[in-house]
C-alpha atoms as a PDB file:
ATOM      1  CA  UNK A   1      -3.893  -6.869  22.262  1.00  0.00           C
ATOM      2  CA  UNK A   2      -6.500  -5.151  24.412  1.00  0.00           C
ATOM      3  CA  UNK A   3      -4.414  -1.964  24.413  1.00  0.00           C
ATOM      4  CA  UNK A   4      -3.679  -2.248  20.698  1.00  0.00           C
ATOM      5  CA  UNK A   5      -7.341  -2.493  19.711  1.00  0.00           C
ATOM      6  CA  UNK A   6      -8.733  -0.022  22.235  1.00  0.00           C
ATOM      7  CA  UNK A   7     -11.004   2.600  20.685  1.00  0.00           C
ATOM      8  CA  UNK A   8      -8.542   5.418  21.390  1.00  0.00           C
ATOM      9  CA  UNK A   9      -5.776   3.507  19.599  1.00  0.00           C
ATOM     10  CA  UNK A  10      -7.800   2.305  16.618  1.00  0.00           C
ATOM     11  CA  UNK A  11      -6.321   4.763  14.036  1.00  0.00           C
ATOM     12  CA  UNK A  12      -2.810   3.582  14.873  1.00  0.00           C
ATOM     13  CA  UNK A  13      -3.747  -0.092  14.855  1.00  0.00           C
ATOM     14  CA  UNK A  14      -5.422   0.299  11.459  1.00  0.00           C
ATOM     15  CA  UNK A  15      -2.347   2.098  10.072  1.00  0.00           C
ATOM     16  CA  UNK A  16      -0.073  -0.637  11.421  1.00  0.00           C
ATOM     17  CA  UNK A  17      -2.203  -3.409   9.931  1.00  0.00           C
ATOM     18  CA  UNK A  18      -2.435  -1.588   6.593  1.00  0.00           C
ATOM     19  CA  UNK A  19       1.352  -1.265   6.501  1.00  0.00           C
ATOM     20  CA  UNK A  20       1.769  -4.997   7.130  1.00  0.00           C
ATOM     21  CA  UNK A  21      -0.847  -5.864   4.502  1.00  0.00           C
ATOM     22  CA  UNK A  22       0.899  -3.691   1.906  1.00  0.00           C
ATOM     23  CA  UNK A  23       4.258  -5.284   2.713  1.00  0.00           C
ATOM     24  CA  UNK A  24       2.877  -8.823   2.416  1.00  0.00           C
ATOM     25  CA  UNK A  25       0.939  -8.076  -0.789  1.00  0.00           C
ATOM     26  CA  UNK A  26       3.885  -6.342  -2.433  1.00  0.00           C
ATOM     27  CA  UNK A  27       6.156  -9.231  -1.552  1.00  0.00           C
ATOM     28  CA  UNK A  28       3.705 -11.780  -2.905  1.00  0.00           C
ATOM     29  CA  UNK A  29       2.973  -9.829  -6.092  1.00  0.00           C
ATOM     30  CA  UNK A  30       6.665  -9.213  -6.727  1.00  0.00           C
ATOM     31  CA  UNK A  31       7.264 -12.954  -6.739  1.00  0.00           C
ATOM     32  CA  UNK A  32       4.833 -13.371  -9.634  1.00  0.00           C
ATOM     33  CA  UNK A  33       6.062 -10.291 -11.493  1.00  0.00           C
ATOM     34  CA  UNK A  34       3.203  -7.945 -10.673  1.00  0.00           C
ATOM     35  CA  UNK A  35       2.941  -4.741  -8.664  1.00  0.00           C
ATOM     36  CA  UNK A  36       0.480  -2.642  -6.700  1.00  0.00           C
ATOM     37  CA  UNK A  37       0.190   0.127  -9.265  1.00  0.00           C
ATOM     38  CA  UNK A  38      -3.571   0.389  -9.475  1.00  0.00           C
ATOM     39  CA  UNK A  39      -4.158   0.080  -5.746  1.00  0.00           C
ATOM     40  CA  UNK A  40      -1.547   2.683  -4.926  1.00  0.00           C
ATOM     41  CA  UNK A  41      -2.667   4.991  -7.720  1.00  0.00           C
ATOM     42  CA  UNK A  42      -6.140   5.130  -6.169  1.00  0.00           C
ATOM     43  CA  UNK A  43      -4.600   6.361  -2.912  1.00  0.00           C
ATOM     44  CA  UNK A  44      -2.679   9.239  -4.490  1.00  0.00           C
ATOM     45  CA  UNK A  45      -4.046  12.789  -4.413  1.00  0.00           C
ATOM     46  CA  UNK A  46      -5.304  13.870  -7.833  1.00  0.00           C
ATOM     47  CA  UNK A  47      -3.588  17.264  -7.777  1.00  0.00           C
ATOM     48  CA  UNK A  48      -0.916  19.128  -9.705  1.00  0.00           C
ATOM     49  CA  UNK A  49       2.033  19.154  -7.348  1.00  0.00           C
ATOM     50  CA  UNK A  50       3.737  22.501  -7.804  1.00  0.00           C
ATOM     51  CA  UNK A  51       6.416  22.231  -5.133  1.00  0.00           C
ATOM     52  CA  UNK A  52      10.189  22.102  -5.243  1.00  0.00           C
ATOM     53  CA  UNK A  53      11.475  18.570  -4.857  1.00  0.00           C
ATOM     54  CA  UNK A  54      13.731  19.635  -2.003  1.00  0.00           C
ATOM     55  CA  UNK A  55      10.929  21.436  -0.209  1.00  0.00           C
ATOM     56  CA  UNK A  56      12.797  24.736  -0.298  1.00  0.00           C
ATOM     57  CA  UNK A  57       9.624  26.608  -1.111  1.00  0.00           C
ATOM     58  CA  UNK A  58       7.369  27.348  -4.041  1.00  0.00           C
ATOM     59  CA  UNK A  59       4.461  29.476  -5.088  1.00  0.00           C
ATOM     60  CA  UNK A  60       2.059  26.563  -4.728  1.00  0.00           C
ATOM     61  CA  UNK A  61      -0.489  25.954  -2.030  1.00  0.00           C
ATOM     62  CA  UNK A  62       0.027  24.494   1.426  1.00  0.00           C
ATOM     63  CA  UNK A  63      -0.511  20.903   0.288  1.00  0.00           C
ATOM     64  CA  UNK A  64       1.929  21.308  -2.602  1.00  0.00           C
ATOM     65  CA  UNK A  65       4.567  22.734  -0.296  1.00  0.00           C
ATOM     66  CA  UNK A  66       3.996  19.941   2.224  1.00  0.00           C
ATOM     67  CA  UNK A  67       4.440  17.272  -0.451  1.00  0.00           C
ATOM     68  CA  UNK A  68       7.642  18.931  -1.591  1.00  0.00           C
ATOM     69  CA  UNK A  69       8.890  19.186   2.010  1.00  0.00           C
ATOM     70  CA  UNK A  70       8.461  15.452   2.657  1.00  0.00           C
ATOM     71  CA  UNK A  71      10.387  14.774  -0.595  1.00  0.00           C
ATOM     72  CA  UNK A  72       7.406  13.412  -2.503  1.00  0.00           C
ATOM     73  CA  UNK A  73       8.747  11.925  -5.744  1.00  0.00           C
ATOM     74  CA  UNK A  74      12.317  11.336  -4.571  1.00  0.00           C
ATOM     75  CA  UNK A  75      11.559   7.770  -3.477  1.00  0.00           C
ATOM     76  CA  UNK A  76       8.941   5.305  -4.777  1.00  0.00           C
ATOM     77  CA  UNK A  77       5.456   6.249  -3.615  1.00  0.00           C
ATOM     78  CA  UNK A  78       4.908   2.825  -2.111  1.00  0.00           C
ATOM     79  CA  UNK A  79       7.939   3.354   0.138  1.00  0.00           C
ATOM     80  CA  UNK A  80       6.680   6.811   1.083  1.00  0.00           C
ATOM     81  CA  UNK A  81       3.319   5.364   2.091  1.00  0.00           C
ATOM     82  CA  UNK A  82       4.809   2.508   4.123  1.00  0.00           C
ATOM     83  CA  UNK A  83       7.195   4.839   5.982  1.00  0.00           C
ATOM     84  CA  UNK A  84       4.344   7.207   6.822  1.00  0.00           C
ATOM     85  CA  UNK A  85       2.090   4.425   8.083  1.00  0.00           C
ATOM     86  CA  UNK A  86       4.914   3.016  10.217  1.00  0.00           C
ATOM     87  CA  UNK A  87       5.811   6.405  11.703  1.00  0.00           C
ATOM     88  CA  UNK A  88       2.181   7.373  12.333  1.00  0.00           C
ATOM     89  CA  UNK A  89       1.255   4.101  14.013  1.00  0.00           C
ATOM     90  CA  UNK A  90       4.393   3.747  16.139  1.00  0.00           C
ATOM     91  CA  UNK A  91       4.400   7.376  17.298  1.00  0.00           C
ATOM     92  CA  UNK A  92       0.698   7.204  18.152  1.00  0.00           C
ATOM     93  CA  UNK A  93       0.971   3.938  20.056  1.00  0.00           C
ATOM     94  CA  UNK A  94       4.103   5.127  21.886  1.00  0.00           C
ATOM     95  CA  UNK A  95       2.322   8.322  22.939  1.00  0.00           C
ATOM     96  CA  UNK A  96      -0.724   6.456  24.194  1.00  0.00           C
ATOM     97  CA  UNK A  97       1.380   3.861  25.999  1.00  0.00           C
ATOM     98  CA  UNK A  98       3.439   6.547  27.730  1.00  0.00           C
ATOM     99  CA  UNK A  99       0.307   8.344  28.916  1.00  0.00           C
ATOM    100  CA  UNK A 100      -1.280   5.105  30.077  1.00  0.00           C
ATOM    101  CA  UNK A 101       1.801   4.083  32.074  1.00  0.00           C
ATOM    102  CA  UNK A 102       2.439   7.479  33.649  1.00  0.00           C
ATOM    103  CA  UNK A 103      -0.976   9.100  34.021  1.00  0.00           C
ATOM    104  CA  UNK A 104      -3.321   6.128  33.739  1.00  0.00           C
ATOM    105  CA  UNK A 105      -5.296   7.322  30.700  1.00  0.00           C
ATOM    106  CA  UNK A 106      -5.036   7.635  26.933  1.00  0.00           C
ATOM    107  CA  UNK A 107      -6.072  10.483  24.678  1.00  0.00           C
ATOM    108  CA  UNK A 108      -9.196  10.233  22.538  1.00  0.00           C
ATOM    109  CA  UNK A 109      -8.387   9.201  18.984  1.00  0.00           C
ATOM    110  CA  UNK A 110      -9.618  12.547  17.637  1.00  0.00           C
ATOM    111  CA  UNK A 111      -6.833  14.260  19.621  1.00  0.00           C
ATOM    112  CA  UNK A 112      -4.109  11.610  19.490  1.00  0.00           C
ATOM    113  CA  UNK A 113      -4.308  11.068  15.713  1.00  0.00           C
ATOM    114  CA  UNK A 114      -3.502  14.682  14.713  1.00  0.00           C
ATOM    115  CA  UNK A 115      -0.632  14.760  17.230  1.00  0.00           C
ATOM    116  CA  UNK A 116       0.792  11.533  15.784  1.00  0.00           C
ATOM    117  CA  UNK A 117       0.317  12.854  12.250  1.00  0.00           C
ATOM    118  CA  UNK A 118       2.285  16.007  13.003  1.00  0.00           C
ATOM    119  CA  UNK A 119       4.983  13.985  14.732  1.00  0.00           C
ATOM    120  CA  UNK A 120       5.272  11.588  11.797  1.00  0.00           C
ATOM    121  CA  UNK A 121       6.014  14.298   9.219  1.00  0.00           C
ATOM    122  CA  UNK A 122       9.575  15.114  10.404  1.00  0.00           C
ATOM    123  CA  UNK A 123      10.259  11.384  10.672  1.00  0.00           C
ATOM    124  CA  UNK A 124       8.940  10.895   7.135  1.00  0.00           C
ATOM    125  CA  UNK A 125      11.081  13.719   5.731  1.00  0.00           C
ATOM    126  CA  UNK A 126      14.211  12.429   7.477  1.00  0.00           C
ATOM    127  CA  UNK A 127      13.566   8.823   6.436  1.00  0.00           C
ATOM    128  CA  UNK A 128      12.919   9.649   2.793  1.00  0.00           C
ATOM    129  CA  UNK A 129      16.041  11.805   2.727  1.00  0.00           C
ATOM    130  CA  UNK A 130      18.146   8.917   4.020  1.00  0.00           C
ATOM    131  CA  UNK A 131      16.530   6.433   1.651  1.00  0.00           C
ATOM    132  CA  UNK A 132      17.021   8.760  -1.319  1.00  0.00           C
ATOM    133  CA  UNK A 133      20.725   9.136  -0.567  1.00  0.00           C
ATOM    134  CA  UNK A 134      21.600   5.647   0.623  1.00  0.00           C
ATOM    135  CA  UNK A 135      19.167   3.279  -1.106  1.00  0.00           C
ATOM    136  CA  UNK A 136      17.898   5.084  -4.210  1.00  0.00           C
ATOM    137  CA  UNK A 137      20.890   7.449  -4.488  1.00  0.00           C
ATOM    138  CA  UNK A 138      18.789  10.294  -5.843  1.00  0.00           C
ATOM    139  CA  UNK A 139      21.110  12.867  -4.307  1.00  0.00           C
ATOM    140  CA  UNK A 140      24.471  11.104  -4.723  1.00  0.00           C
ATOM    141  CA  UNK A 141      25.518  13.599  -7.384  1.00  0.00           C
ATOM    142  CA  UNK A 142      24.600  17.252  -7.564  1.00  0.00           C
ATOM    143  CA  UNK A 143      22.351  17.505 -10.602  1.00  0.00           C
ATOM    144  CA  UNK A 144      19.660  20.019 -11.472  1.00  0.00           C
ATOM    145  CA  UNK A 145      16.175  18.790 -12.277  1.00  0.00           C
ATOM    146  CA  UNK A 146      16.379  20.965 -15.398  1.00  0.00           C
ATOM    147  CA  UNK A 147      18.839  18.445 -16.806  1.00  0.00           C
ATOM    148  CA  UNK A 148      16.236  15.674 -16.521  1.00  0.00           C
ATOM    149  CA  UNK A 149      14.630  16.815 -19.769  1.00  0.00           C
ATOM    150  CA  UNK A 150      15.697  14.565 -22.623  1.00  0.00           C
ATOM    151  CA  UNK A 151      16.054  11.432 -20.512  1.00  0.00           C
ATOM    152  CA  UNK A 152      14.157   8.218 -21.174  1.00  0.00           C
ATOM    153  CA  UNK A 153      12.228   7.054 -18.104  1.00  0.00           C
ATOM    154  CA  UNK A 154      10.222   3.931 -17.351  1.00  0.00           C
ATOM    155  CA  UNK A 155       6.793   4.090 -15.718  1.00  0.00           C
ATOM    156  CA  UNK A 156       7.062   2.335 -12.343  1.00  0.00           C
ATOM    157  CA  UNK A 157       3.837   3.158 -10.510  1.00  0.00           C
ATOM    158  CA  UNK A 158       0.443   4.202 -11.819  1.00  0.00           C
ATOM    159  CA  UNK A 159      -0.883   5.042 -15.259  1.00  0.00           C
ATOM    160  CA  UNK A 160       0.087   8.343 -16.876  1.00  0.00           C
ATOM    161  CA  UNK A 161      -2.655  10.118 -18.781  1.00  0.00           C
ATOM    162  CA  UNK A 162      -3.803  13.716 -19.213  1.00  0.00           C
ATOM    163  CA  UNK A 163      -4.758  15.051 -15.791  1.00  0.00           C
ATOM    164  CA  UNK A 164      -3.318  12.038 -13.955  1.00  0.00           C
ATOM    165  CA  UNK A 165       0.405  11.737 -13.290  1.00  0.00           C
ATOM    166  CA  UNK A 166       2.324   8.515 -12.687  1.00  0.00           C
ATOM    167  CA  UNK A 167       5.727   7.738 -11.223  1.00  0.00           C
ATOM    168  CA  UNK A 168       8.671   7.047 -13.528  1.00  0.00           C
ATOM    169  CA  UNK A 169      12.315   6.178 -12.943  1.00  0.00           C
ATOM    170  CA  UNK A 170      15.472   6.908 -14.944  1.00  0.00           C
ATOM    171  CA  UNK A 171      19.227   6.912 -14.386  1.00  0.00           C
ATOM    172  CA  UNK A 172      21.460   9.911 -15.082  1.00  0.00           C
ATOM    173  CA  UNK A 173      25.013   9.835 -16.444  1.00  0.00           C
ATOM    174  CA  UNK A 174      26.362   9.067 -12.970  1.00  0.00           C
ATOM    175  CA  UNK A 175      24.186   5.974 -12.697  1.00  0.00           C
ATOM    176  CA  UNK A 176      22.007   7.682 -10.077  1.00  0.00           C
ATOM    177  CA  UNK A 177      18.336   6.691 -10.119  1.00  0.00           C
ATOM    178  CA  UNK A 178      15.710   9.448 -10.040  1.00  0.00           C
ATOM    179  CA  UNK A 179      11.979   9.094  -9.448  1.00  0.00           C
ATOM    180  CA  UNK A 180       9.768  11.731 -11.057  1.00  0.00           C
ATOM    181  CA  UNK A 181       6.074  12.312 -11.628  1.00  0.00           C
ATOM    182  CA  UNK A 182       5.156  12.336 -15.322  1.00  0.00           C
ATOM    183  CA  UNK A 183       2.118  13.219 -17.391  1.00  0.00           C
ATOM    184  CA  UNK A 184       1.685  12.980 -21.191  1.00  0.00           C
ATOM    185  CA  UNK A 185       1.246  16.155 -23.210  1.00  0.00           C
ATOM    186  CA  UNK A 186      -1.247  14.454 -25.528  1.00  0.00           C
ATOM    187  CA  UNK A 187      -3.875  11.721 -25.377  1.00  0.00           C
ATOM    188  CA  UNK A 188      -1.336   8.919 -25.010  1.00  0.00           C
ATOM    189  CA  UNK A 189      -1.691   6.609 -22.017  1.00  0.00           C
ATOM    190  CA  UNK A 190       1.473   5.140 -20.530  1.00  0.00           C
ATOM    191  CA  UNK A 191       1.254   2.101 -18.266  1.00  0.00           C
ATOM    192  CA  UNK A 192       3.709   0.419 -15.931  1.00  0.00           C
ATOM    193  CA  UNK A 193       6.818  -0.667 -17.858  1.00  0.00           C
ATOM    194  CA  UNK A 194       6.314   1.787 -20.744  1.00  0.00           C
ATOM    195  CA  UNK A 195       9.185   4.058 -21.762  1.00  0.00           C
ATOM    196  CA  UNK A 196       8.612   7.813 -21.953  1.00  0.00           C
ATOM    197  CA  UNK A 197      10.729  10.784 -23.008  1.00  0.00           C
ATOM    198  CA  UNK A 198      10.910  13.729 -20.572  1.00  0.00           C
ATOM    199  CA  UNK A 199      10.302  16.871 -22.636  1.00  0.00           C
ATOM    200  CA  UNK A 200       9.304  19.622 -20.189  1.00  0.00           C
ATOM    201  CA  UNK A 201       9.467  20.337 -16.453  1.00  0.00           C
ATOM    202  CA  UNK A 202       6.308  21.745 -14.836  1.00  0.00           C
ATOM    203  CA  UNK A 203       6.954  22.145 -11.124  1.00  0.00           C
ATOM    204  CA  UNK A 204       7.364  18.624  -9.765  1.00  0.00           C
ATOM    205  CA  UNK A 205       5.706  17.028 -12.821  1.00  0.00           C
ATOM    206  CA  UNK A 206       7.414  16.354 -16.156  1.00  0.00           C
ATOM    207  CA  UNK A 207       5.552  16.344 -19.447  1.00  0.00           C
ATOM    208  CA  UNK A 208       6.379  13.262 -21.507  1.00  0.00           C
ATOM    209  CA  UNK A 209       5.882  11.793 -24.950  1.00  0.00           C
ATOM    210  CA  UNK A 210       6.475   8.394 -26.460  1.00  0.00           C
ATOM    211  CA  UNK A 211      10.132   7.981 -27.515  1.00  0.00           C
ATOM    212  CA  UNK A 212      10.650   8.167 -31.264  1.00  0.00           C
ATOM    213  CA  UNK A 213      13.221   5.369 -30.953  1.00  0.00           C
ATOM    214  CA  UNK A 214      11.897   2.490 -28.788  1.00  0.00           C
ATOM    215  CA  UNK A 215      15.448   1.186 -28.343  1.00  0.00           C
ATOM    216  CA  UNK A 216      16.614   4.271 -26.465  1.00  0.00           C
ATOM    217  CA  UNK A 217      17.560   3.766 -22.789  1.00  0.00           C
END
């Protein structure tokens, strides 16, 4: 415990505790039929993500390309956050423990944290790729994102409004689930559980409207 809460290890301990808190809260809220939409939505960057979903490159900025590279949007954002926190904390603590056991010192947090952050990104990309294929099956069938237009999706995380995207999920004709970021084209506000119709692809964000037929799936 002394090593875990040492000043040099504090960023990793905080990340580890935050991951555990999220897991416990999500489990408890799921039991009563709620979610962590609002809390998670406040953690998301308020930017227009203009990156390819497979991270193959885009004309966007560095942050957009990074989000595309780590497969942002291919798995639920809550999962993405938990995997990052786990990778960051475990890599950081492992690095500090190795240095302490071999050289008798640990790196200052201001140096160790960026190293752990960089090390966690490949782990995050690999983990989300595996989860997308095995658990969420986003890449089970070869399907272009252009074919997503016209599908009915359900808001799963966040609140979609003009200037603020939310996460939505839908299943294609193969039964494969896809997670996409959506934003209304008008003043409509779509909350968790609402159905939306994908009408246009804009980078990694899809413009949506309310379905004309509420019984569509």
